[in-house]
Structure formats: structure tokens, C-alpha cells
Amino acid sequence: MIDSYGNYEWFLKKDFSDYSGKWLAIIDKKVVASGEDANKVITKAREEYPHKRPFITKVRDKLSIL
């Protein structure tokens, strides 16, 4: 089982430009739901994987500087 931190690290290393501006639900290093409405993405992930906790994030549509 991969924890949220593992999913976060995986997310940071991948190119998600195809999901620009969308919310993602990630479980076990896999995008299990995506869309423009965070609540719908969370709901879909929980319905499909009721015993797992998804890592939820939004893919920026512009370059971000931290």
C-alpha cells in the first residue's frame, strides 16, 4: 500500500500537462479520477476505491514558482 506521501512524490516527478487546470485523484501511483470539479473527482475516487484514501491535487495551467 502506498501512502499519500508516496503518491505526492510520484506526482511531483511526472508530467501531467494533459490534465492542465484539472483536479486529480491519485491512488497507488495511478490517476483514478480527474475533472474540473474537485467534489466530483473525490466522490468518483471514493466510489471506485472505498477502502483507500486518494491523494487529491490540482494541476496548474500555468508555470508556478514557489
Protein backbone atom coordinates (compact mmCIF):
# COMPACT_ATOMS: atom_id res chain seq x y z
CA MET A 1 0.00 0.00 0.00
CA ILE A 2 1.37 3.39 -1.00
CA ASP A 3 0.84 6.23 1.43
CA SER A 4 -0.19 9.78 0.48
CA TYR A 5 3.41 10.96 0.63
CA GLY A 6 4.42 8.30 -1.89
CA ASN A 7 1.65 9.45 -4.23
CA TYR A 8 2.75 13.06 -3.75
CA GLU A 9 6.36 12.25 -4.62
CA TRP A 10 5.19 10.34 -7.70
CA PHE A 11 3.01 13.29 -8.73
CA LEU A 12 5.95 15.70 -8.50
CA LYS A 13 8.08 13.58 -10.83
CA LYS A 14 5.51 13.05 -13.61
CA ASP A 15 4.29 15.23 -16.47
CA PHE A 16 0.59 15.92 -16.02
CA SER A 17 0.30 18.64 -18.67
CA ASP A 18 -2.54 16.68 -20.30
CA TYR A 19 -4.54 17.38 -17.12
CA SER A 20 -3.80 21.12 -17.10
CA GLY A 21 -6.35 23.00 -14.96
CA LYS A 22 -7.99 19.81 -13.65
CA TRP A 23 -8.28 18.11 -10.29
CA LEU A 24 -6.76 14.65 -9.91
CA ALA A 25 -7.38 11.80 -7.52
CA ILE A 26 -4.35 9.54 -7.25
CA ILE A 27 -4.29 6.14 -5.57
CA ASP A 28 -1.32 3.76 -5.62
CA LYS A 29 0.54 5.98 -8.14
CA LYS A 30 -2.36 5.90 -10.58
CA VAL A 31 -4.79 8.65 -11.64
CA VAL A 32 -8.19 7.18 -10.76
CA ALA A 33 -10.33 10.27 -11.42
CA SER A 34 -9.94 13.71 -12.98
CA GLY A 35 -12.11 16.69 -13.76
CA GLU A 36 -12.85 20.36 -13.21
CA ASP A 37 -14.98 19.83 -10.09
CA ALA A 38 -12.98 18.68 -7.05
CA ASN A 39 -16.05 17.29 -5.26
CA LYS A 40 -16.95 15.09 -8.24
CA VAL A 41 -13.37 13.82 -8.52
CA ILE A 42 -13.29 12.93 -4.81
CA THR A 43 -16.70 11.25 -4.99
CA LYS A 44 -15.72 9.15 -8.00
CA ALA A 45 -12.44 8.05 -6.39
CA ARG A 46 -14.20 7.09 -3.15
CA GLU A 47 -16.90 5.16 -5.02
CA GLU A 48 -14.36 3.17 -7.04
CA TYR A 49 -11.88 2.68 -4.18
CA PRO A 50 -13.90 2.82 -0.95
CA HIS A 51 -11.14 1.39 1.24
CA LYS A 52 -8.36 3.68 0.05
CA ARG A 53 -7.59 7.34 0.69
CA PRO A 54 -6.92 9.29 -2.52
CA PHE A 55 -4.28 11.99 -2.87
CA ILE A 56 -6.14 15.00 -4.32
CA THR A 57 -4.39 17.80 -6.20
CA LYS A 58 -4.99 20.34 -8.93
CA VAL A 59 -2.71 20.57 -11.94
CA ARG A 60 -1.83 24.18 -12.61
CA ASP A 61 -2.50 25.52 -16.06
CA LYS A 62 0.49 27.88 -15.85
CA LEU A 63 4.04 27.59 -14.64
CA SER A 64 4.21 28.06 -10.89
CA ILE A 65 7.17 29.39 -8.99
CA LEU A 66 7.49 28.50 -5.33
